[in-house]
Amino acid sequence: MTRKTFYSLLITGVILVSQNIIAQTNKSMIDGAMQGNVSTVDGYVPSMSITKDGKTAYFSKGTYKKPLYGVFSKKELVYEVYRAENVNGEWTNITKLDVCPEHYSAKHPTISGDGTRLFFASNMRGSYGKYDIYVADIAADGTPGVSKNLGPKVNTKEDELYPSIYNETLLFFASEGRDGYGGLDLYASQVVKNTLTTSVNLGSHINSDSDEYAIQLSPEEKLGLVVSNRGFNNTVSQYTVAYGRSNKQDRYNDVAERDAGLQTVMNDQAYEVVDTSFQDEQ
């Protein structure tokens, strides 16, 4: 065997091993992001957000990194948003999105059904408090535009987390910066183009003195699935609530029929337009 052939085989072997490692790493990232879970480090971790056509997904992952300043500083947990493509039934082409400056975190991404707007939580410079909810337009080639803060109608001096979009215009999120029922409460705001309404607390039938992280609505069944740590020893579980008028309400954990907050955001078809709240913080 000549030296040239040997090095050629060696390089080929290195490439194959590297590709295998990357594939395994990608699979591990996707497997961990497919379903919501509970982490001792991250707390509740929502499942990845997928466009309606099922071709593109977004998720976040935290890694420990050295901070920008301080030679002897400990590594800090930094969250980053990733995009994945569904190719022939396999999630692949995983790409990190630069939706916030380096050394700041971005997490809990949720994509609009048409794939054109990405909402997420970030603690980047210019936030009102800790984590704020931001939005970025997604171009046809998948690249994000400038991240814009949703402003004081959504964000406070404390954490706003876990954004999710329902019916393209209803933004649900968790906040601990308002006078709610305790811990993280769930709120909603109508988002239309570049405007949004003042956030509405979803009320005592949805929220509790514990943390509520996320809600998913099923209008056909008049049900909502609420993720909360109100369980025994603060365990995170999914609770079923009924809203609207249902003759099966007694079967569920709670009933939201008399809750004005949820009824307001569900039934308000006027989409009251307010002054633009999106603010370019970069």
Protein backbone atom coordinates (compact mmCIF):
# COMPACT_ATOMS: atom_id res chain seq x y z
CA MET A 1 0.00 0.00 0.00
CA THR A 2 1.43 3.36 -1.00
CA ARG A 3 1.63 6.28 1.42
CA LYS A 4 -0.84 8.23 -0.75
CA THR A 5 -3.37 5.39 -0.64
CA PHE A 6 -2.89 5.00 3.12
CA TYR A 7 -3.55 8.69 3.80
CA SER A 8 -6.53 8.63 1.45
CA LEU A 9 -8.06 5.72 3.37
CA LEU A 10 -7.24 7.40 6.68
CA ILE A 11 -8.93 10.65 5.65
CA THR A 12 -11.97 8.72 4.35
CA GLY A 13 -12.18 6.89 7.68
CA VAL A 14 -11.97 10.12 9.64
CA ILE A 15 -14.73 11.66 7.50
CA LEU A 16 -16.99 8.62 7.96
CA VAL A 17 -16.42 8.58 11.73
CA SER A 18 -17.07 12.34 11.93
CA GLN A 19 -20.27 12.00 9.90
CA ASN A 20 -21.40 9.16 12.16
CA ILE A 21 -20.70 11.20 15.29
CA ILE A 22 -22.57 14.20 13.86
CA ALA A 23 -25.52 11.97 12.90
CA GLN A 24 -25.62 10.47 16.39
CA THR A 25 -25.39 13.92 17.97
CA ASN A 26 -28.19 15.23 15.74
CA LYS A 27 -30.37 12.23 16.56
CA SER A 28 -29.77 12.76 20.26
CA MET A 29 -30.72 16.43 19.99
CA ILE A 30 -33.91 15.62 18.06
CA ASP A 31 -34.92 12.75 20.35
CA GLY A 32 -34.58 15.04 23.35
CA ALA A 33 -36.60 17.80 21.70
CA MET A 34 -39.47 15.75 20.25
CA GLN A 35 -41.54 15.60 23.43
CA GLY A 36 -41.85 17.96 26.38
CA ASN A 37 -40.01 16.75 29.47
CA VAL A 38 -38.85 17.72 32.93
CA SER A 39 -35.16 18.44 33.53
CA THR A 40 -33.41 18.98 36.86
CA VAL A 41 -31.45 21.80 35.18
CA ASP A 42 -34.03 23.37 32.87
CA GLY A 43 -37.24 22.62 34.76
CA TYR A 44 -40.06 22.09 32.26
CA VAL A 45 -38.76 21.75 28.69
CA PRO A 46 -41.43 22.19 25.98
CA SER A 47 -41.50 19.96 22.91
CA MET A 48 -40.16 21.29 19.64
CA SER A 49 -42.44 23.49 17.56
CA ILE A 50 -43.31 22.23 14.07
CA THR A 51 -44.79 24.11 11.11
CA LYS A 52 -48.19 22.99 9.81
CA ASP A 53 -46.68 21.30 6.77
CA GLY A 54 -44.49 19.19 9.08
CA LYS A 55 -41.32 20.11 7.20
CA THR A 56 -39.56 22.39 9.70
CA ALA A 57 -39.11 22.26 13.46
CA TYR A 58 -37.60 24.56 16.07
CA PHE A 59 -36.25 23.74 19.53
CA SER A 60 -33.76 25.04 22.08
CA LYS A 61 -30.88 23.41 23.90
CA GLY A 62 -28.70 24.61 26.76
CA THR A 63 -24.91 24.18 26.96
CA TYR A 64 -22.36 25.45 29.45
CA LYS A 65 -20.04 28.13 28.07
CA LYS A 66 -17.38 30.44 29.42
CA PRO A 67 -18.77 33.94 30.00
CA LEU A 68 -17.56 36.89 27.96
CA TYR A 69 -15.74 38.46 30.89
CA GLY A 70 -13.71 36.97 33.75
CA VAL A 71 -10.79 34.65 33.06
CA PHE A 72 -11.57 32.52 36.12
CA SER A 73 -15.35 32.73 35.84
CA LYS A 74 -17.33 29.51 35.88
CA LYS A 75 -19.12 28.34 32.78
CA GLU A 76 -22.70 29.54 32.45
CA LEU A 77 -25.71 27.76 30.99
CA VAL A 78 -26.54 29.37 27.65
CA TYR A 79 -29.59 28.39 25.57
CA GLU A 80 -29.63 28.44 21.78
CA VAL A 81 -32.40 27.98 19.20
CA TYR A 82 -32.05 25.33 16.49
CA ARG A 83 -33.89 24.62 13.26
CA ALA A 84 -34.34 21.13 11.78
CA GLU A 85 -35.76 19.93 8.47
CA ASN A 86 -37.84 16.84 7.82
CA VAL A 87 -36.28 15.04 4.85
CA ASN A 88 -37.90 11.74 3.83
CA GLY A 89 -39.31 11.25 7.32
CA GLU A 90 -36.02 11.98 9.10
CA TRP A 91 -35.16 15.15 11.02
CA THR A 92 -31.86 16.43 9.65
CA ASN A 93 -29.98 19.60 8.57
CA ILE A 94 -29.90 20.93 12.14
CA THR A 95 -28.86 24.60 12.15
CA LYS A 96 -28.29 27.00 15.03
CA LEU A 97 -30.16 30.28 14.56
CA ASP A 98 -28.53 33.57 15.49
CA VAL A 99 -31.59 35.19 17.04
CA CYS A 100 -29.68 36.86 19.89
CA PRO A 101 -26.11 38.03 20.52
CA GLU A 102 -23.47 35.56 21.65
CA HIS A 103 -23.32 34.82 25.39
CA TYR A 104 -27.05 35.60 25.77
CA SER A 105 -29.76 32.95 25.81
CA ALA A 106 -32.73 32.25 23.55
CA LYS A 107 -35.15 29.43 24.36
CA HIS A 108 -38.71 28.09 24.10
CA PRO A 109 -39.14 28.82 20.37
CA THR A 110 -42.59 28.53 18.80
CA ILE A 111 -43.22 28.96 15.09
CA SER A 112 -46.35 30.27 13.40
CA GLY A 113 -48.17 27.69 11.31
CA ASP A 114 -47.00 29.18 8.03
CA GLY A 115 -43.41 29.23 9.26
CA THR A 116 -42.91 32.99 8.84
CA ARG A 117 -42.69 34.18 12.45
CA LEU A 118 -40.66 32.75 15.32
CA PHE A 119 -41.49 33.69 18.92
CA PHE A 120 -39.04 32.88 21.71
CA ALA A 121 -37.81 33.96 25.15
CA SER A 122 -34.46 35.71 25.55
CA ASN A 123 -32.44 37.58 28.16
CA MET A 124 -30.50 39.57 25.56
CA ARG A 125 -29.44 43.16 26.20
CA GLY A 126 -32.40 45.53 25.93
CA SER A 127 -34.89 43.26 27.69
CA TYR A 128 -37.30 44.81 30.18
CA GLY A 129 -36.24 42.43 32.90
CA LYS A 130 -34.92 38.88 32.95
CA TYR A 131 -36.35 36.87 30.04
CA ASP A 132 -38.64 38.68 27.58
CA ILE A 133 -40.70 37.38 24.65
CA TYR A 134 -39.28 38.30 21.23
CA VAL A 135 -40.34 37.70 17.63
CA ALA A 136 -38.30 37.36 14.46
CA ASP A 137 -39.49 37.04 10.87
CA ILE A 138 -38.26 33.90 9.09
CA ALA A 139 -37.17 34.32 5.47
CA ALA A 140 -37.94 31.81 2.72
CA ASP A 141 -34.44 30.34 3.07
CA GLY A 142 -34.94 29.81 6.81
CA THR A 143 -32.77 32.65 8.09
CA PRO A 144 -34.20 34.82 10.89
CA GLY A 145 -34.59 38.56 10.65
CA VAL A 146 -33.99 41.11 13.41
CA SER A 147 -35.36 39.96 16.78
CA LYS A 148 -37.94 42.41 18.13
CA ASN A 149 -39.11 42.77 21.72
CA LEU A 150 -42.89 42.49 22.16
CA GLY A 151 -42.87 45.44 24.54
CA PRO A 152 -44.54 46.22 27.90
CA LYS A 153 -47.95 44.84 26.95
CA VAL A 154 -46.33 41.40 27.24
CA ASN A 155 -43.01 41.80 29.05
CA THR A 156 -42.22 42.89 32.63
CA LYS A 157 -39.21 43.24 34.94
CA GLU A 158 -39.43 39.51 35.71
CA ASP A 159 -39.49 36.39 33.49
CA GLU A 160 -41.78 35.89 30.50
CA LEU A 161 -41.36 32.36 29.14
CA TYR A 162 -42.92 29.52 27.12
CA PRO A 163 -44.62 31.43 24.27
CA SER A 164 -47.01 29.48 22.06
CA ILE A 165 -49.19 30.53 19.14
CA TYR A 166 -52.80 29.42 18.76
CA ASN A 167 -54.82 30.01 15.60
CA GLU A 168 -52.02 32.23 14.21
CA THR A 169 -53.03 35.30 16.26
CA LEU A 170 -53.39 34.26 19.91
CA LEU A 171 -50.14 34.32 21.87
CA PHE A 172 -50.05 32.35 25.13
CA PHE A 173 -47.11 32.79 27.50
CA ALA A 174 -46.11 32.38 31.16
CA SER A 175 -45.21 35.40 33.30
CA GLU A 176 -44.18 35.96 36.91
CA GLY A 177 -43.98 39.75 36.68
CA ARG A 178 -47.65 40.59 37.28
CA ASP A 179 -50.04 40.38 40.23
CA GLY A 180 -51.39 36.94 39.40
CA TYR A 181 -52.22 33.88 41.47
CA GLY A 182 -48.65 32.93 42.33
CA GLY A 183 -45.52 31.74 40.55
CA LEU A 184 -45.75 31.68 36.76
CA ASP A 185 -49.26 32.46 35.48
CA LEU A 186 -50.54 31.94 31.96
CA TYR A 187 -51.53 35.00 29.92
CA ALA A 188 -52.75 35.67 26.39
CA SER A 189 -52.46 38.53 23.92
CA GLN A 190 -53.91 38.98 20.44
CA VAL A 191 -51.13 39.46 17.89
CA VAL A 192 -52.07 40.90 14.50
CA LYS A 193 -49.27 41.88 12.13
CA ASN A 194 -47.09 44.30 14.14
CA THR A 195 -49.62 45.09 16.87
CA LEU A 196 -50.85 43.32 19.97
CA THR A 197 -53.38 43.82 22.75
CA THR A 198 -52.73 44.15 26.46
CA SER A 199 -52.11 40.74 28.02
CA VAL A 200 -55.01 39.00 29.81
CA ASN A 201 -54.57 36.63 32.76
CA LEU A 202 -56.37 33.35 32.01
CA GLY A 203 -57.88 33.29 35.48
CA SER A 204 -58.14 31.05 38.53
CA HIS A 205 -59.59 28.08 36.66
CA ILE A 206 -56.38 27.89 34.64
CA ASN A 207 -53.81 29.37 37.02
CA SER A 208 -52.96 28.41 40.59
CA ASP A 209 -50.56 29.41 43.37
CA SER A 210 -47.99 27.13 41.69
CA ASP A 211 -46.29 27.54 38.31
CA GLU A 212 -48.26 27.20 35.07
CA TYR A 213 -45.98 26.78 32.06
CA ALA A 214 -48.08 26.19 28.95
CA ILE A 215 -51.57 25.59 27.62
CA GLN A 216 -52.79 23.81 24.50
CA LEU A 217 -56.38 24.26 23.35
CA SER A 218 -58.65 21.76 21.61
CA PRO A 219 -61.72 23.75 20.45
CA GLU A 220 -63.47 20.69 19.02
CA GLU A 221 -63.57 19.06 22.45
CA LYS A 222 -63.73 22.34 24.40
CA LEU A 223 -60.67 21.24 26.35
CA GLY A 224 -57.37 22.72 27.34
CA LEU A 225 -54.22 20.91 28.47
CA VAL A 226 -52.32 22.89 31.10
CA VAL A 227 -48.75 22.04 32.14
CA SER A 228 -48.21 22.93 35.81
CA ASN A 229 -46.14 21.92 38.84
CA ARG A 230 -49.19 22.01 41.14
CA GLY A 231 -48.85 18.25 41.69
CA PHE A 232 -47.67 16.45 44.81
CA ASN A 233 -44.18 17.63 45.83
CA ASN A 234 -44.34 20.19 42.99
CA THR A 235 -44.18 17.53 40.30
CA VAL A 236 -44.81 18.80 36.76
CA SER A 237 -47.88 17.26 35.17
CA GLN A 238 -50.43 17.98 32.46
CA TYR A 239 -53.92 18.90 33.65
CA THR A 240 -57.12 18.85 31.64
CA VAL A 241 -59.53 21.76 31.93
CA ALA A 242 -62.86 22.27 30.20
CA TYR A 243 -63.89 25.67 28.87
CA GLY A 244 -66.99 27.00 27.17
CA ARG A 245 -70.13 24.90 27.46
CA SER A 246 -69.57 21.19 27.75
CA ASN A 247 -71.79 18.48 29.20
CA LYS A 248 -68.68 16.51 30.18
CA GLN A 249 -67.07 19.10 32.43
CA ASP A 250 -67.36 17.00 35.59
CA ARG A 251 -64.84 14.56 34.14
CA TYR A 252 -62.00 17.06 34.12
CA ASN A 253 -59.66 18.54 36.71
CA ASP A 254 -61.11 22.02 36.51
CA VAL A 255 -63.71 24.03 34.64
CA ALA A 256 -63.14 27.39 32.95
CA GLU A 257 -66.72 28.08 31.87
CA ARG A 258 -67.12 31.04 34.20
CA ASP A 259 -63.63 32.41 33.64
CA ALA A 260 -63.92 35.80 31.94
CA GLY A 261 -60.25 35.95 30.95
CA LEU A 262 -60.24 32.81 28.82
CA GLN A 263 -63.65 33.58 27.36
CA THR A 264 -62.44 37.06 26.40
CA VAL A 265 -59.40 35.86 24.50
CA MET A 266 -61.27 32.98 22.89
CA ASN A 267 -64.32 34.93 21.78
CA ASP A 268 -62.90 38.35 20.95
CA GLN A 269 -63.10 38.50 17.17
CA ALA A 270 -62.67 42.27 16.99
CA TYR A 271 -58.88 42.00 17.36
CA GLU A 272 -58.59 45.47 18.82
CA VAL A 273 -55.59 47.12 17.21
CA VAL A 274 -53.27 49.11 19.46
CA ASP A 275 -50.15 51.15 18.82
CA THR A 276 -47.21 49.12 17.59
CA SER A 277 -45.41 47.51 20.52
CA PHE A 278 -42.62 45.69 18.74
CA GLN A 279 -39.39 47.44 19.54
CA ASP A 280 -36.09 46.92 17.82
CA GLU A 281 -33.58 46.42 20.60
CA GLN A 282 -30.53 45.67 18.44
